[in-house]
Amino acid sequence: MSDEKRVEKLRVIYVEPGKRAQTIEIDDDLKAMQNLVGGMIEEYMPFEDDVAIICNDEGKMLGLPLNRGIREEDGQLQDIIAGDFFVCYAPIESEKFISMPPYLEEKYKEKFDYPEQFFRTEEGIKGIQYDPGKGDRDQETCR
């Protein structure tokens, strides 16, 4: 028998700028999480569901590419995540992150599926979703 410690896996939604969201499995340890976001992690919980966005703590300060917008229920842009991030299950009673249950995985994969482009308007910063698999002529504004 091996004395190696078995590393548990986490099923998360991984979101990269300019790419569609994907469900992946990562090692359930701090180093794997930091590697995925490219630095120190920050837990951000802007939703009513027990899910956490795990992103680079210094993403905006480091000038990482803008990734996805976080919106109020009325669609108003509240924040923009910079750099790679992942979404995992983080129930309040748990001391650690947990794999996404299927119903939340589906909901948040759909929420973050398409990348966004951000631009400044007279009303503030706006974001539109696009399909990275289509050319500019084929694009439809998703938001």
N, C-alpha and C. Protein backbone atom coordinates (compact mmCIF):
# COMPACT_ATOMS: atom_id res chain seq x y z
N MET A 1 0.82 -1.18 0.00
CA MET A 1 0.00 0.00 0.00
C MET A 1 0.86 1.24 0.00
N SER A 2 0.40 2.25 -0.73
CA SER A 2 1.15 3.49 -0.84
C SER A 2 0.79 4.42 0.31
N ASP A 3 1.80 5.16 0.78
CA ASP A 3 1.57 6.14 1.83
C ASP A 3 1.17 7.49 1.25
N GLU A 4 1.12 7.59 -0.08
CA GLU A 4 0.75 8.86 -0.71
C GLU A 4 -0.67 9.24 -0.32
N LYS A 5 -0.84 10.49 -0.04
CA LYS A 5 -2.16 11.01 0.31
C LYS A 5 -2.99 11.13 -0.96
N ARG A 6 -4.16 10.56 -0.94
CA ARG A 6 -5.05 10.64 -2.10
C ARG A 6 -5.70 12.01 -2.14
N VAL A 7 -5.55 12.70 -3.26
CA VAL A 7 -6.11 14.04 -3.41
C VAL A 7 -7.52 13.92 -3.97
N GLU A 8 -8.46 14.51 -3.27
CA GLU A 8 -9.85 14.54 -3.74
C GLU A 8 -9.95 15.47 -4.95
N LYS A 9 -10.98 15.26 -5.74
CA LYS A 9 -11.23 16.10 -6.92
C LYS A 9 -12.46 16.97 -6.70
N LEU A 10 -12.44 18.12 -7.31
CA LEU A 10 -13.58 19.05 -7.30
C LEU A 10 -14.07 19.23 -8.73
N ARG A 11 -15.37 19.14 -8.92
CA ARG A 11 -15.97 19.40 -10.22
C ARG A 11 -16.42 20.87 -10.20
N VAL A 12 -15.84 21.68 -11.10
CA VAL A 12 -16.08 23.13 -11.11
C VAL A 12 -16.38 23.60 -12.54
N ILE A 13 -16.87 24.81 -12.64
CA ILE A 13 -17.06 25.45 -13.94
C ILE A 13 -15.89 26.41 -14.11
N TYR A 14 -15.09 26.17 -15.14
CA TYR A 14 -13.89 26.96 -15.41
C TYR A 14 -14.20 27.95 -16.51
N VAL A 15 -13.84 29.23 -16.26
CA VAL A 15 -14.19 30.30 -17.18
C VAL A 15 -12.94 31.12 -17.53
N GLU A 16 -12.60 31.11 -18.81
CA GLU A 16 -11.44 31.85 -19.31
C GLU A 16 -11.92 32.98 -20.22
N PRO A 17 -11.22 34.12 -20.23
CA PRO A 17 -11.61 35.20 -21.14
C PRO A 17 -11.56 34.72 -22.60
N GLY A 18 -12.58 35.08 -23.37
CA GLY A 18 -12.61 34.77 -24.79
C GLY A 18 -12.98 33.35 -25.12
N LYS A 19 -13.30 32.53 -24.12
CA LYS A 19 -13.65 31.14 -24.37
C LYS A 19 -14.97 30.81 -23.68
N ARG A 20 -15.62 29.76 -24.17
CA ARG A 20 -16.84 29.29 -23.54
C ARG A 20 -16.49 28.58 -22.23
N ALA A 21 -17.41 28.65 -21.28
CA ALA A 21 -17.21 28.00 -19.98
C ALA A 21 -17.18 26.49 -20.16
N GLN A 22 -16.44 25.81 -19.30
CA GLN A 22 -16.38 24.36 -19.36
C GLN A 22 -16.38 23.76 -17.95
N THR A 23 -16.93 22.58 -17.84
CA THR A 23 -16.90 21.86 -16.58
C THR A 23 -15.65 20.99 -16.56
N ILE A 24 -14.86 21.14 -15.49
CA ILE A 24 -13.63 20.37 -15.37
C ILE A 24 -13.52 19.83 -13.94
N GLU A 25 -12.57 18.93 -13.74
CA GLU A 25 -12.24 18.45 -12.40
C GLU A 25 -10.84 18.93 -12.07
N ILE A 26 -10.69 19.43 -10.84
CA ILE A 26 -9.38 19.89 -10.37
C ILE A 26 -9.08 19.20 -9.04
N ASP A 27 -7.81 19.18 -8.66
CA ASP A 27 -7.44 18.68 -7.34
C ASP A 27 -8.02 19.62 -6.29
N ASP A 28 -8.50 19.06 -5.20
CA ASP A 28 -9.09 19.84 -4.12
C ASP A 28 -7.99 20.31 -3.17
N ASP A 29 -7.13 21.18 -3.68
CA ASP A 29 -6.11 21.77 -2.81
C ASP A 29 -5.79 23.19 -3.28
N LEU A 30 -5.22 23.96 -2.38
CA LEU A 30 -4.96 25.38 -2.62
C LEU A 30 -4.06 25.60 -3.83
N LYS A 31 -3.02 24.80 -3.96
CA LYS A 31 -2.07 24.97 -5.07
C LYS A 31 -2.76 24.82 -6.43
N ALA A 32 -3.63 23.82 -6.57
CA ALA A 32 -4.35 23.61 -7.83
C ALA A 32 -5.27 24.80 -8.12
N MET A 33 -5.91 25.32 -7.09
CA MET A 33 -6.80 26.47 -7.27
C MET A 33 -6.01 27.70 -7.69
N GLN A 34 -4.87 27.92 -7.04
CA GLN A 34 -4.03 29.07 -7.38
C GLN A 34 -3.48 28.94 -8.80
N ASN A 35 -3.09 27.73 -9.20
CA ASN A 35 -2.60 27.52 -10.56
C ASN A 35 -3.67 27.83 -11.59
N LEU A 36 -4.91 27.46 -11.28
CA LEU A 36 -6.00 27.67 -12.23
C LEU A 36 -6.28 29.15 -12.46
N VAL A 37 -6.18 29.98 -11.42
CA VAL A 37 -6.47 31.41 -11.57
C VAL A 37 -5.21 32.26 -11.74
N GLY A 38 -4.05 31.63 -11.65
CA GLY A 38 -2.80 32.36 -11.89
C GLY A 38 -2.33 33.23 -10.75
N GLY A 39 -2.63 32.85 -9.51
CA GLY A 39 -2.15 33.63 -8.36
C GLY A 39 -2.97 33.35 -7.12
N MET A 40 -2.85 34.24 -6.15
CA MET A 40 -3.59 34.11 -4.89
C MET A 40 -5.09 34.14 -5.19
N ILE A 41 -5.83 33.29 -4.49
CA ILE A 41 -7.27 33.21 -4.78
C ILE A 41 -8.09 34.13 -3.89
N GLU A 42 -9.22 34.55 -4.45
CA GLU A 42 -10.22 35.32 -3.72
C GLU A 42 -11.55 34.62 -3.90
N GLU A 43 -12.30 34.48 -2.82
CA GLU A 43 -13.64 33.91 -2.87
C GLU A 43 -14.63 35.07 -2.97
N TYR A 44 -15.50 35.01 -3.96
CA TYR A 44 -16.48 36.07 -4.21
C TYR A 44 -17.84 35.39 -4.34
N MET A 45 -18.80 35.81 -3.50
CA MET A 45 -20.12 35.16 -3.48
C MET A 45 -21.23 36.19 -3.73
N PRO A 46 -21.43 36.60 -4.99
CA PRO A 46 -22.42 37.63 -5.29
C PRO A 46 -23.84 37.11 -5.51
N PHE A 47 -24.05 35.81 -5.46
CA PHE A 47 -25.35 35.23 -5.80
C PHE A 47 -26.05 34.68 -4.55
N GLU A 48 -27.36 34.49 -4.66
CA GLU A 48 -28.13 33.93 -3.55
C GLU A 48 -27.83 32.44 -3.36
N ASP A 49 -27.51 31.73 -4.44
CA ASP A 49 -27.14 30.33 -4.32
C ASP A 49 -25.82 30.21 -3.57
N ASP A 50 -25.59 29.05 -2.98
CA ASP A 50 -24.34 28.79 -2.25
C ASP A 50 -23.21 28.43 -3.21
N VAL A 51 -22.90 29.33 -4.12
CA VAL A 51 -21.80 29.12 -5.04
C VAL A 51 -20.80 30.26 -4.88
N ALA A 52 -19.54 29.92 -5.11
CA ALA A 52 -18.48 30.91 -4.99
C ALA A 52 -17.75 31.03 -6.32
N ILE A 53 -17.42 32.25 -6.66
CA ILE A 53 -16.51 32.52 -7.77
C ILE A 53 -15.13 32.59 -7.13
N ILE A 54 -14.22 31.78 -7.64
CA ILE A 54 -12.85 31.80 -7.15
C ILE A 54 -11.99 32.41 -8.25
N CYS A 55 -11.44 33.59 -7.96
CA CYS A 55 -10.69 34.33 -8.97
C CYS A 55 -9.35 34.77 -8.40
N ASN A 56 -8.54 35.38 -9.25
CA ASN A 56 -7.24 35.91 -8.84
C ASN A 56 -7.50 37.16 -7.99
N ASP A 57 -6.97 37.15 -6.79
CA ASP A 57 -7.15 38.24 -5.83
C ASP A 57 -6.69 39.59 -6.37
N GLU A 58 -5.72 39.57 -7.28
CA GLU A 58 -5.16 40.81 -7.82
C GLU A 58 -5.42 40.96 -9.32
N GLY A 59 -6.43 40.25 -9.83
CA GLY A 59 -6.69 40.22 -11.27
C GLY A 59 -6.80 41.60 -11.91
N LYS A 60 -7.57 42.48 -11.31
CA LYS A 60 -7.74 43.82 -11.89
C LYS A 60 -6.47 44.65 -11.75
N MET A 61 -5.82 44.57 -10.58
CA MET A 61 -4.60 45.35 -10.36
C MET A 61 -3.47 44.92 -11.30
N LEU A 62 -3.46 43.61 -11.64
CA LEU A 62 -2.43 43.10 -12.55
C LEU A 62 -2.77 43.34 -14.02
N GLY A 63 -3.97 43.87 -14.27
CA GLY A 63 -4.38 44.14 -15.64
C GLY A 63 -4.73 42.88 -16.43
N LEU A 64 -5.19 41.82 -15.72
CA LEU A 64 -5.60 40.61 -16.43
C LEU A 64 -6.78 40.93 -17.34
N PRO A 65 -6.97 40.19 -18.42
CA PRO A 65 -8.06 40.48 -19.35
C PRO A 65 -9.42 40.39 -18.66
N LEU A 66 -10.30 41.33 -19.00
CA LEU A 66 -11.66 41.28 -18.47
C LEU A 66 -12.34 40.03 -18.98
N ASN A 67 -13.08 39.36 -18.11
CA ASN A 67 -13.62 38.06 -18.44
C ASN A 67 -15.15 38.08 -18.53
N ARG A 68 -15.84 38.08 -17.40
CA ARG A 68 -17.30 38.03 -17.39
C ARG A 68 -17.84 39.07 -16.42
N GLY A 69 -19.02 39.57 -16.76
CA GLY A 69 -19.70 40.52 -15.90
C GLY A 69 -20.57 39.81 -14.88
N ILE A 70 -20.70 40.44 -13.73
CA ILE A 70 -21.62 40.00 -12.69
C ILE A 70 -22.74 41.03 -12.68
N ARG A 71 -23.97 40.55 -12.81
CA ARG A 71 -25.11 41.45 -12.99
C ARG A 71 -26.12 41.33 -11.86
N GLU A 72 -26.80 42.44 -11.61
CA GLU A 72 -27.95 42.47 -10.70
C GLU A 72 -29.08 41.70 -11.38
N GLU A 73 -30.15 41.44 -10.65
CA GLU A 73 -31.30 40.73 -11.22
C GLU A 73 -31.90 41.47 -12.42
N ASP A 74 -31.80 42.81 -12.42
CA ASP A 74 -32.36 43.60 -13.52
C ASP A 74 -31.41 43.70 -14.72
N GLY A 75 -30.26 43.00 -14.65
CA GLY A 75 -29.32 43.00 -15.76
C GLY A 75 -28.24 44.06 -15.66
N GLN A 76 -28.34 44.94 -14.68
CA GLN A 76 -27.36 46.02 -14.49
C GLN A 76 -26.00 45.43 -14.10
N LEU A 77 -24.95 45.87 -14.79
CA LEU A 77 -23.60 45.38 -14.52
C LEU A 77 -23.15 45.85 -13.13
N GLN A 78 -22.78 44.90 -12.29
CA GLN A 78 -22.37 45.18 -10.91
C GLN A 78 -20.85 45.15 -10.77
N ASP A 79 -20.21 44.21 -11.47
CA ASP A 79 -18.77 44.01 -11.35
C ASP A 79 -18.30 43.25 -12.59
N ILE A 80 -17.00 43.25 -12.81
CA ILE A 80 -16.40 42.47 -13.90
C ILE A 80 -15.24 41.68 -13.30
N ILE A 81 -15.23 40.39 -13.56
CA ILE A 81 -14.14 39.53 -13.11
C ILE A 81 -13.01 39.62 -14.14
N ALA A 82 -11.79 39.85 -13.68
CA ALA A 82 -10.62 39.89 -14.56
C ALA A 82 -9.83 38.60 -14.40
N GLY A 83 -9.44 38.02 -15.53
CA GLY A 83 -8.64 36.81 -15.51
C GLY A 83 -9.49 35.55 -15.40
N ASP A 84 -8.81 34.42 -15.41
CA ASP A 84 -9.48 33.13 -15.29
C ASP A 84 -10.14 33.02 -13.92
N PHE A 85 -11.27 32.32 -13.87
CA PHE A 85 -11.91 32.02 -12.59
C PHE A 85 -12.66 30.71 -12.70
N PHE A 86 -13.09 30.19 -11.56
CA PHE A 86 -13.94 29.02 -11.56
C PHE A 86 -15.06 29.21 -10.54
N VAL A 87 -16.13 28.46 -10.76
CA VAL A 87 -17.29 28.52 -9.89
C VAL A 87 -17.42 27.15 -9.23
N CYS A 88 -17.60 27.16 -7.90
CA CYS A 88 -17.75 25.90 -7.17
C CYS A 88 -18.86 26.06 -6.14
N TYR A 89 -19.26 24.95 -5.58
CA TYR A 89 -20.29 24.93 -4.55
C TYR A 89 -19.64 25.28 -3.22
N ALA A 90 -20.26 26.20 -2.47
CA ALA A 90 -19.68 26.66 -1.20
C ALA A 90 -20.79 26.86 -0.17
N PRO A 91 -21.42 25.77 0.27
CA PRO A 91 -22.49 25.93 1.26
C PRO A 91 -21.94 26.52 2.55
N ILE A 92 -22.73 27.36 3.17
CA ILE A 92 -22.31 28.08 4.37
C ILE A 92 -21.86 27.15 5.49
N GLU A 93 -22.48 25.96 5.59
CA GLU A 93 -22.14 25.03 6.67
C GLU A 93 -20.86 24.23 6.41
N SER A 94 -20.29 24.36 5.22
CA SER A 94 -19.09 23.62 4.88
C SER A 94 -17.85 24.49 5.10
N GLU A 95 -16.78 23.85 5.52
CA GLU A 95 -15.53 24.56 5.71
C GLU A 95 -14.64 24.54 4.47
N LYS A 96 -15.13 23.89 3.40
CA LYS A 96 -14.34 23.81 2.17
C LYS A 96 -15.26 23.86 0.96
N PHE A 97 -14.65 24.04 -0.19
CA PHE A 97 -15.41 24.04 -1.44
C PHE A 97 -15.80 22.62 -1.79
N ILE A 98 -16.92 22.48 -2.51
CA ILE A 98 -17.47 21.19 -2.86
C ILE A 98 -17.76 21.19 -4.36
N SER A 99 -17.79 19.99 -4.95
CA SER A 99 -18.16 19.87 -6.37
C SER A 99 -19.56 20.41 -6.59
N MET A 100 -19.76 20.97 -7.77
CA MET A 100 -21.05 21.55 -8.11
C MET A 100 -22.11 20.46 -8.22
N PRO A 101 -23.26 20.63 -7.54
CA PRO A 101 -24.37 19.69 -7.77
C PRO A 101 -24.91 19.93 -9.18
N PRO A 102 -25.46 18.92 -9.82
CA PRO A 102 -25.89 19.04 -11.23
C PRO A 102 -26.80 20.23 -11.53
N TYR A 103 -27.76 20.53 -10.67
CA TYR A 103 -28.68 21.64 -10.97
C TYR A 103 -27.97 22.99 -10.94
N LEU A 104 -27.00 23.17 -10.05
CA LEU A 104 -26.25 24.43 -10.02
C LEU A 104 -25.20 24.47 -11.12
N GLU A 105 -24.63 23.32 -11.42
CA GLU A 105 -23.66 23.25 -12.52
C GLU A 105 -24.31 23.71 -13.82
N GLU A 106 -25.49 23.21 -14.09
CA GLU A 106 -26.20 23.59 -15.31
C GLU A 106 -26.53 25.09 -15.32
N LYS A 107 -27.04 25.58 -14.21
CA LYS A 107 -27.43 27.00 -14.10
C LYS A 107 -26.24 27.93 -14.33
N TYR A 108 -25.12 27.66 -13.66
CA TYR A 108 -23.99 28.59 -13.75
C TYR A 108 -23.14 28.37 -15.00
N LYS A 109 -23.15 27.19 -15.55
CA LYS A 109 -22.49 27.00 -16.84
C LYS A 109 -23.22 27.81 -17.90
N GLU A 110 -24.53 27.80 -17.84
CA GLU A 110 -25.33 28.59 -18.78
C GLU A 110 -25.10 30.09 -18.55
N LYS A 111 -25.05 30.51 -17.30
CA LYS A 111 -24.85 31.93 -16.96
C LYS A 111 -23.53 32.47 -17.50
N PHE A 112 -22.48 31.66 -17.42
CA PHE A 112 -21.14 32.13 -17.82
C PHE A 112 -20.66 31.52 -19.13
N ASP A 113 -21.54 30.84 -19.87
CA ASP A 113 -21.12 30.08 -21.04
C ASP A 113 -20.40 30.93 -22.09
N TYR A 114 -20.97 32.04 -22.50
CA TYR A 114 -20.39 32.82 -23.59
C TYR A 114 -19.51 33.95 -23.07
N PRO A 115 -18.35 34.16 -23.71
CA PRO A 115 -17.48 35.26 -23.32
C PRO A 115 -18.15 36.61 -23.59
N GLU A 116 -17.59 37.64 -22.99
CA GLU A 116 -18.13 38.99 -23.15
C GLU A 116 -17.05 39.96 -23.60
N GLN A 117 -17.50 40.96 -24.34
CA GLN A 117 -16.65 42.10 -24.67
C GLN A 117 -17.23 43.29 -23.93
N PHE A 118 -16.36 44.12 -23.37
CA PHE A 118 -16.79 45.26 -22.57
C PHE A 118 -16.39 46.55 -23.27
N PHE A 119 -17.25 47.55 -23.11
CA PHE A 119 -16.98 48.85 -23.73
C PHE A 119 -17.64 49.95 -22.90
N ARG A 120 -17.12 51.15 -23.03
CA ARG A 120 -17.61 52.30 -22.27
C ARG A 120 -18.67 53.04 -23.09
N THR A 121 -19.77 53.41 -22.43
CA THR A 121 -20.82 54.21 -23.05
C THR A 121 -21.09 55.41 -22.16
N GLU A 122 -21.98 56.29 -22.60
CA GLU A 122 -22.35 57.44 -21.77
C GLU A 122 -23.03 57.00 -20.48
N GLU A 123 -23.69 55.83 -20.51
CA GLU A 123 -24.37 55.30 -19.31
C GLU A 123 -23.44 54.47 -18.44
N GLY A 124 -22.21 54.27 -18.84
CA GLY A 124 -21.27 53.46 -18.06
C GLY A 124 -20.72 52.32 -18.89
N ILE A 125 -20.11 51.37 -18.23
CA ILE A 125 -19.52 50.22 -18.92
C ILE A 125 -20.60 49.21 -19.23
N LYS A 126 -20.59 48.70 -20.44
CA LYS A 126 -21.54 47.68 -20.89
C LYS A 126 -20.77 46.46 -21.35
N GLY A 127 -21.45 45.33 -21.35
CA GLY A 127 -20.85 44.10 -21.83
C GLY A 127 -21.82 43.37 -22.74
N ILE A 128 -21.30 42.78 -23.81
CA ILE A 128 -22.13 41.96 -24.69
C ILE A 128 -21.48 40.59 -24.82
N GLN A 129 -22.32 39.57 -24.85
CA GLN A 129 -21.83 38.22 -25.04
C GLN A 129 -21.61 37.96 -26.52
N TYR A 130 -20.69 37.06 -26.82
CA TYR A 130 -20.46 36.66 -28.20
C TYR A 130 -20.06 35.19 -28.24
N ASP A 131 -20.21 34.60 -29.41
CA ASP A 131 -19.83 33.21 -29.62
C ASP A 131 -18.44 33.20 -30.23
N PRO A 132 -17.43 32.70 -29.50
CA PRO A 132 -16.06 32.73 -30.04
C PRO A 132 -15.87 31.82 -31.25
N GLY A 133 -16.83 30.95 -31.53
CA GLY A 133 -16.73 30.05 -32.67
C GLY A 133 -17.26 30.64 -33.96
N LYS A 134 -17.87 31.83 -33.88
CA LYS A 134 -18.44 32.47 -35.07
C LYS A 134 -17.59 33.66 -35.47
N GLY A 135 -17.60 33.97 -36.75
CA GLY A 135 -16.92 35.16 -37.24
C GLY A 135 -17.71 36.41 -36.88
N ASP A 136 -17.10 37.57 -37.05
CA ASP A 136 -17.76 38.84 -36.72
C ASP A 136 -19.08 39.03 -37.45
N ARG A 137 -19.16 38.58 -38.69
CA ARG A 137 -20.39 38.78 -39.48
C ARG A 137 -21.54 37.95 -38.95
N ASP A 138 -21.23 36.82 -38.29
CA ASP A 138 -22.25 35.91 -37.80
C ASP A 138 -22.71 36.23 -36.38
N GLN A 139 -22.06 37.19 -35.73
CA GLN A 139 -22.34 37.47 -34.32
C GLN A 139 -23.72 38.09 -34.13
N GLU A 140 -24.35 37.66 -33.05
CA GLU A 140 -25.58 38.30 -32.58
C GLU A 140 -25.31 38.74 -31.17
N THR A 141 -25.81 39.90 -30.79
CA THR A 141 -25.66 40.35 -29.43
C THR A 141 -26.54 39.51 -28.54
N CYS A 142 -25.94 38.92 -27.50
CA CYS A 142 -26.70 38.07 -26.58
C CYS A 142 -27.30 38.88 -25.44
N ARG A 143 -26.74 40.02 -25.13
CA ARG A 143 -27.26 40.89 -24.07
C ARG A 143 -27.25 42.31 -24.56
